[in-house]
Amino acid sequence: MSAAAAGSRSTPESHVAHTGPRVLANAPEELTCGYLRRLGEGIGKVVYASEHWVVRRERSPSAVVALILLWRILHTLERVLPGAWGRKLRSRPSRRLRFLRVMVQGAMLLLPRAVWFRGHIREMWRLYRRRDLVGGRLAQLHLTGSDLYPQTVTFPPVRVRVGGWPGWLVVSEATERVQTTLYDKLAELARAGRFTEMETWLDRLLEARRSGWRRGLFSMDAHLRNYGAIGNRIVLLDSGGLTRDWSQVERCLAKGEIRLGLETLLDGHPEIARSLDARWNATVNLEVVRANWGADLARP
């Protein structure tokens, strides 16, 4: 059977995780007994954490568009900014980046919508919204309760205090906190010169990705900060890039070989960065993905 046909098959009931989030009578105590630390942020969400749980604040549509505009501006100016300043700013959000986002968002209020929300920006916004909605639905249906996704609990709405603006949130859901992102784990190992362990963690990520393919799921967000470590387990942090559409998978993989961006972590060891890139591309390619696609769905 072709991969495209495999992607169109219905999923047998026995192979879908239907457990759903665990329902609690009350929020975990650690969420309400102190301030939650701002842990990180993405295009559409800001994450706050206690010791074992994280909660999310959804950004407003204008804030998301402002970030898309800012990312595009920084990408354009990257060639003329001193050194790798622009690239570092885009790759690791900071107070400086948040200040720039607020400035862009303010400028958007002064300009007609047709000036800033046009052409490519509009398409990027629509693509982001579509991926976020579709990916979240796929994760809920097919990854909840699996080892590939953090555990989620729900509870009656409760007010929690968070560091920084806005100072508090009302939340009714929390997600298992990962110990570190995969990128930060690899950075730690690189600094210690533990290159063999870097290979081991990359192999764990590749096996997690193969497990997703066997379920008929593919994540188009391959960056290493989109994966977290819980013990020796690799989990997907943001479901926004998930798809079951084989034509999207083909287009994503048709872009050719990718680089994992480990050159800066492995400064002085370019041969190891090349080896890890080769290890990745030997697995994440059209032939291997097609061979694994939907394999678990065919089991009785």
Protein backbone atom coordinates (compact mmCIF):
# COMPACT_ATOMS: atom_id res chain seq x y z
CA MET A 1 0.00 0.00 0.00
CA SER A 2 1.33 3.45 -0.85
CA ALA A 3 2.25 5.96 1.86
CA ALA A 4 -0.46 8.29 0.63
CA ALA A 5 -3.00 5.53 1.01
CA ALA A 6 -1.65 4.73 4.46
CA GLY A 7 -2.13 8.36 5.44
CA SER A 8 -5.77 8.25 4.38
CA ARG A 9 -6.70 5.11 6.33
CA SER A 10 -8.97 5.45 9.31
CA THR A 11 -7.33 4.79 12.66
CA PRO A 12 -8.45 1.59 14.40
CA GLU A 13 -9.89 2.31 17.83
CA SER A 14 -7.28 0.20 19.59
CA HIS A 15 -4.42 2.37 18.37
CA VAL A 16 -5.70 5.80 19.42
CA ALA A 17 -4.97 7.26 22.85
CA HIS A 18 -8.43 8.13 24.15
CA THR A 19 -7.56 8.51 27.82
CA GLY A 20 -7.67 12.31 27.68
CA PRO A 21 -6.23 14.62 30.34
CA ARG A 22 -6.41 13.42 33.93
CA VAL A 23 -9.19 15.29 35.78
CA LEU A 24 -8.39 16.58 39.27
CA ALA A 25 -10.81 17.91 41.88
CA ASN A 26 -8.40 20.77 42.62
CA ALA A 27 -5.35 22.34 41.01
CA PRO A 28 -1.96 20.97 42.15
CA GLU A 29 -1.04 22.87 45.32
CA GLU A 30 2.31 24.04 44.00
CA LEU A 31 0.52 26.09 41.33
CA THR A 32 -1.31 28.20 43.91
CA CYS A 33 1.13 28.46 46.82
CA GLY A 34 3.60 30.88 45.22
CA TYR A 35 4.67 32.72 42.10
CA LEU A 36 5.16 30.73 38.89
CA ARG A 37 8.39 31.50 37.08
CA ARG A 38 8.33 32.61 33.45
CA LEU A 39 9.97 29.61 31.78
CA GLY A 40 9.92 30.40 28.07
CA GLU A 41 7.89 31.62 25.15
CA GLY A 42 7.03 30.93 21.56
CA ILE A 43 5.15 32.67 18.82
CA GLY A 44 1.72 32.00 20.31
CA LYS A 45 2.29 31.12 23.97
CA VAL A 46 4.15 32.17 27.11
CA VAL A 47 4.94 29.38 29.59
CA TYR A 48 5.13 29.67 33.40
CA ALA A 49 6.31 26.89 35.67
CA SER A 50 6.24 25.48 39.17
CA GLU A 51 8.52 22.61 40.15
CA HIS A 52 6.57 19.89 38.32
CA TRP A 53 3.93 21.68 36.20
CA VAL A 54 3.68 24.34 33.53
CA VAL A 55 0.76 26.57 32.53
CA ARG A 56 0.42 28.63 29.37
CA ARG A 57 -0.79 32.11 28.50
CA GLU A 58 -2.08 32.45 24.96
CA ARG A 59 -0.85 35.58 23.16
CA SER A 60 -3.35 37.97 21.61
CA PRO A 61 -3.65 37.89 17.80
CA SER A 62 -1.95 41.30 17.57
CA ALA A 63 0.99 40.08 19.66
CA VAL A 64 1.39 37.03 17.40
CA VAL A 65 1.36 39.17 14.25
CA ALA A 66 3.83 41.61 15.87
CA LEU A 67 6.22 38.72 16.55
CA ILE A 68 5.88 37.47 12.98
CA LEU A 69 6.69 40.98 11.74
CA LEU A 70 9.63 41.28 14.15
CA TRP A 71 11.03 37.87 13.16
CA ARG A 72 10.82 38.89 9.52
CA ILE A 73 12.55 42.23 10.17
CA LEU A 74 15.36 40.59 12.14
CA HIS A 75 15.80 37.91 9.50
CA THR A 76 16.11 40.60 6.82
CA LEU A 77 18.60 42.64 8.88
CA GLU A 78 20.61 39.63 10.00
CA ARG A 79 23.14 40.11 7.22
CA VAL A 80 24.02 43.63 8.35
CA LEU A 81 23.82 43.24 12.14
CA PRO A 82 27.21 42.87 13.88
CA GLY A 83 28.36 39.28 14.21
CA ALA A 84 25.62 36.80 15.03
CA TRP A 85 23.67 39.27 17.20
CA GLY A 86 20.48 39.11 15.17
CA ARG A 87 20.54 35.32 14.95
CA LYS A 88 21.11 34.98 18.71
CA LEU A 89 18.29 37.41 19.43
CA ARG A 90 15.86 35.41 17.30
CA SER A 91 16.93 32.04 18.69
CA ARG A 92 16.70 32.91 22.39
CA PRO A 93 13.86 35.26 23.38
CA SER A 94 14.86 37.84 26.01
CA ARG A 95 13.72 41.07 27.59
CA ARG A 96 15.28 42.92 24.67
CA LEU A 97 13.23 40.92 22.20
CA ARG A 98 10.06 41.40 24.26
CA PHE A 99 10.69 45.17 24.27
CA LEU A 100 11.06 45.13 20.48
CA ARG A 101 7.84 43.14 20.16
CA VAL A 102 5.96 45.71 22.24
CA MET A 103 7.40 48.49 20.05
CA VAL A 104 6.26 46.73 16.87
CA GLN A 105 2.84 46.06 18.36
CA GLY A 106 2.52 49.75 19.25
CA ALA A 107 3.49 50.78 15.74
CA MET A 108 0.79 48.48 14.38
CA LEU A 109 -1.82 50.55 16.25
CA LEU A 110 -0.68 53.70 14.46
CA LEU A 111 -0.63 52.25 10.95
CA PRO A 112 -3.60 51.16 8.83
CA ARG A 113 -4.16 47.39 8.89
CA ALA A 114 -3.57 47.22 5.13
CA VAL A 115 0.03 48.46 5.64
CA TRP A 116 1.27 45.78 8.02
CA PHE A 117 -1.20 42.93 7.50
CA ARG A 118 -0.66 42.16 3.86
CA GLY A 119 0.83 39.60 1.50
CA HIS A 120 3.34 37.32 3.15
CA ILE A 121 2.50 38.40 6.72
CA ARG A 122 -1.17 37.50 6.23
CA GLU A 123 -0.22 34.09 4.81
CA MET A 124 2.19 33.42 7.71
CA TRP A 125 -0.56 34.32 10.20
CA ARG A 126 -3.07 32.02 8.52
CA LEU A 127 -0.50 29.21 8.34
CA TYR A 128 0.36 29.60 12.02
CA ARG A 129 -3.32 29.54 13.06
CA ARG A 130 -4.10 26.53 10.87
CA ARG A 131 -1.11 24.54 12.13
CA ASP A 132 -1.86 25.42 15.75
CA LEU A 133 -5.49 24.29 15.54
CA VAL A 134 -4.83 21.13 13.51
CA GLY A 135 -1.74 20.11 15.50
CA GLY A 136 -3.47 20.61 18.85
CA ARG A 137 -6.38 18.45 17.73
CA LEU A 138 -4.07 15.69 16.47
CA ALA A 139 -2.06 15.68 19.70
CA GLN A 140 -5.25 15.47 21.76
CA LEU A 141 -6.61 12.57 19.72
CA HIS A 142 -3.48 10.52 19.11
CA LEU A 143 -0.74 11.46 21.62
CA THR A 144 -2.56 12.09 24.91
CA GLY A 145 -1.55 9.35 27.33
CA SER A 146 1.44 8.26 25.22
CA ASP A 147 5.14 8.54 26.04
CA LEU A 148 5.55 11.03 23.21
CA TYR A 149 3.66 13.86 24.91
CA PRO A 150 3.76 15.39 28.41
CA GLN A 151 1.00 14.39 30.80
CA THR A 152 -1.85 16.92 31.10
CA VAL A 153 -4.24 17.47 34.01
CA THR A 154 -7.40 19.58 34.17
CA PHE A 155 -9.11 21.10 37.19
CA PRO A 156 -11.67 23.80 38.07
CA PRO A 157 -10.47 27.29 37.04
CA VAL A 158 -8.08 28.81 39.56
CA ARG A 159 -6.15 32.07 39.76
CA VAL A 160 -2.35 31.71 39.88
CA ARG A 161 0.36 34.33 40.35
CA VAL A 162 3.05 34.62 37.69
CA GLY A 163 6.32 36.51 37.53
CA GLY A 164 6.23 39.60 35.32
CA TRP A 165 3.30 40.90 33.35
CA PRO A 166 0.33 40.40 33.76
CA GLY A 167 1.05 39.20 37.31
CA TRP A 168 -1.71 36.59 37.42
CA LEU A 169 -3.62 34.16 35.21
CA VAL A 170 -6.78 32.07 35.46
CA VAL A 171 -5.95 28.51 34.39
CA SER A 172 -7.78 25.19 34.31
CA GLU A 173 -5.08 22.99 32.80
CA ALA A 174 -1.44 22.20 33.55
CA THR A 175 1.14 20.12 31.72
CA GLU A 176 3.94 17.96 33.05
CA ARG A 177 7.14 19.99 33.20
CA VAL A 178 10.12 18.67 31.27
CA GLN A 179 13.53 18.70 32.91
CA THR A 180 15.11 20.54 30.00
CA THR A 181 14.69 21.12 26.31
CA LEU A 182 16.62 18.77 24.07
CA TYR A 183 18.68 21.69 22.74
CA ASP A 184 19.76 22.70 26.25
CA LYS A 185 20.54 19.06 27.07
CA LEU A 186 22.80 18.79 24.02
CA ALA A 187 24.42 22.13 24.91
CA GLU A 188 25.22 20.83 28.40
CA LEU A 189 26.74 17.63 27.00
CA ALA A 190 28.74 19.56 24.39
CA ARG A 191 30.26 21.84 27.05
CA ALA A 192 31.31 18.75 29.01
CA GLY A 193 32.78 17.09 25.90
CA ARG A 194 30.38 14.13 26.25
CA PHE A 195 29.88 13.68 22.53
CA THR A 196 28.87 10.01 22.67
CA GLU A 197 25.95 10.94 24.94
CA MET A 198 24.91 13.56 22.41
CA GLU A 199 24.59 10.77 19.85
CA THR A 200 22.53 8.72 22.33
CA TRP A 201 20.07 11.59 22.84
CA LEU A 202 19.80 12.19 19.12
CA ASP A 203 19.04 8.48 18.63
CA ARG A 204 16.28 8.78 21.26
CA LEU A 205 14.79 11.69 19.35
CA LEU A 206 14.92 9.79 16.08
CA GLU A 207 13.18 6.81 17.68
CA ALA A 208 10.48 9.14 19.06
CA ARG A 209 9.99 10.53 15.56
CA ARG A 210 9.75 7.03 14.08
CA SER A 211 7.13 6.19 16.69
CA GLY A 212 5.12 9.19 15.50
CA TRP A 213 5.42 8.14 11.86
CA ARG A 214 4.17 4.66 12.73
CA ARG A 215 1.07 6.36 14.14
CA GLY A 216 0.65 8.34 10.91
CA LEU A 217 1.88 11.60 12.51
CA PHE A 218 4.69 13.88 11.34
CA SER A 219 6.01 17.02 13.04
CA MET A 220 7.19 19.69 10.61
CA ASP A 221 8.86 21.63 13.46
CA ALA A 222 12.20 19.90 13.65
CA HIS A 223 14.04 22.44 15.83
CA LEU A 224 15.55 20.90 18.95
CA ARG A 225 13.85 23.33 21.35
CA ASN A 226 10.52 21.79 20.38
CA TYR A 227 11.45 18.58 22.22
CA GLY A 228 11.94 18.05 25.93
CA ALA A 229 13.55 15.44 28.16
CA ILE A 230 11.79 13.71 31.06
CA GLY A 231 14.24 11.15 32.40
CA ASN A 232 15.38 9.31 29.27
CA ARG A 233 12.10 10.04 27.53
CA ILE A 234 11.76 12.51 24.62
CA VAL A 235 8.47 14.41 24.37
CA LEU A 236 7.05 16.87 21.87
CA LEU A 237 6.53 20.30 23.44
CA ASP A 238 4.53 22.17 20.78
CA SER A 239 2.06 20.29 18.62
CA GLY A 240 1.62 23.17 16.14
CA GLY A 241 3.58 21.44 13.39
CA LEU A 242 1.83 18.06 13.56
CA THR A 243 0.18 16.75 10.41
CA ARG A 244 -1.36 13.57 9.00
CA ASP A 245 -1.45 14.99 5.49
CA TRP A 246 1.03 12.97 3.43
CA SER A 247 1.29 15.69 0.78
CA GLN A 248 2.52 18.10 3.49
CA VAL A 249 5.05 15.52 4.65
CA GLU A 250 6.34 15.16 1.09
CA ARG A 251 6.69 18.92 0.66
CA CYS A 252 8.50 19.25 3.97
CA LEU A 253 10.97 16.48 3.17
CA ALA A 254 11.45 17.72 -0.41
CA LYS A 255 13.40 20.69 0.98
CA GLY A 256 16.40 18.40 1.19
CA GLU A 257 18.91 17.76 3.93
CA ILE A 258 18.75 19.97 6.99
CA ARG A 259 21.28 21.10 9.56
CA LEU A 260 20.42 20.75 13.23
CA GLY A 261 22.15 24.02 14.14
CA LEU A 262 24.71 22.39 16.43
CA GLU A 263 27.71 24.20 14.97
CA THR A 264 27.75 26.84 17.71
CA LEU A 265 27.48 24.17 20.43
CA LEU A 266 30.30 22.17 18.87
CA ASP A 267 32.66 25.05 18.15
CA GLY A 268 36.03 23.47 17.41
CA HIS A 269 34.45 20.12 16.53
CA PRO A 270 32.79 20.70 13.14
CA GLU A 271 33.23 17.05 12.22
CA ILE A 272 30.93 16.00 15.08
CA ALA A 273 28.27 18.51 14.00
CA ARG A 274 28.47 17.12 10.46
CA SER A 275 28.24 13.56 11.79
CA LEU A 276 25.11 14.35 13.80
CA ASP A 277 23.54 16.11 10.82
CA ALA A 278 24.26 13.05 8.68
CA ARG A 279 22.76 10.78 11.34
CA TRP A 280 19.58 12.88 11.31
CA ASN A 281 19.25 13.06 7.53
CA ALA A 282 19.84 9.32 7.17
CA THR A 283 16.59 8.79 9.09
CA VAL A 284 14.44 11.87 8.45
CA ASN A 285 14.03 11.47 4.71
CA LEU A 286 11.23 10.52 2.38
CA GLU A 287 12.26 6.88 1.95
CA VAL A 288 12.50 6.09 5.68
CA VAL A 289 9.37 8.03 6.63
CA ARG A 290 7.38 6.28 3.88
CA ALA A 291 8.61 2.87 5.09
CA ASN A 292 7.38 3.60 8.63
CA TRP A 293 4.23 5.58 7.82
CA GLY A 294 1.13 4.21 9.54
CA ALA A 295 2.80 0.86 10.34
CA ASP A 296 1.18 0.65 13.80
CA LEU A 297 -2.23 1.37 12.32
CA ALA A 298 -2.06 -1.83 10.27
CA ARG A 299 -1.64 -4.03 13.34
CA PRO A 300 -4.69 -5.94 14.54
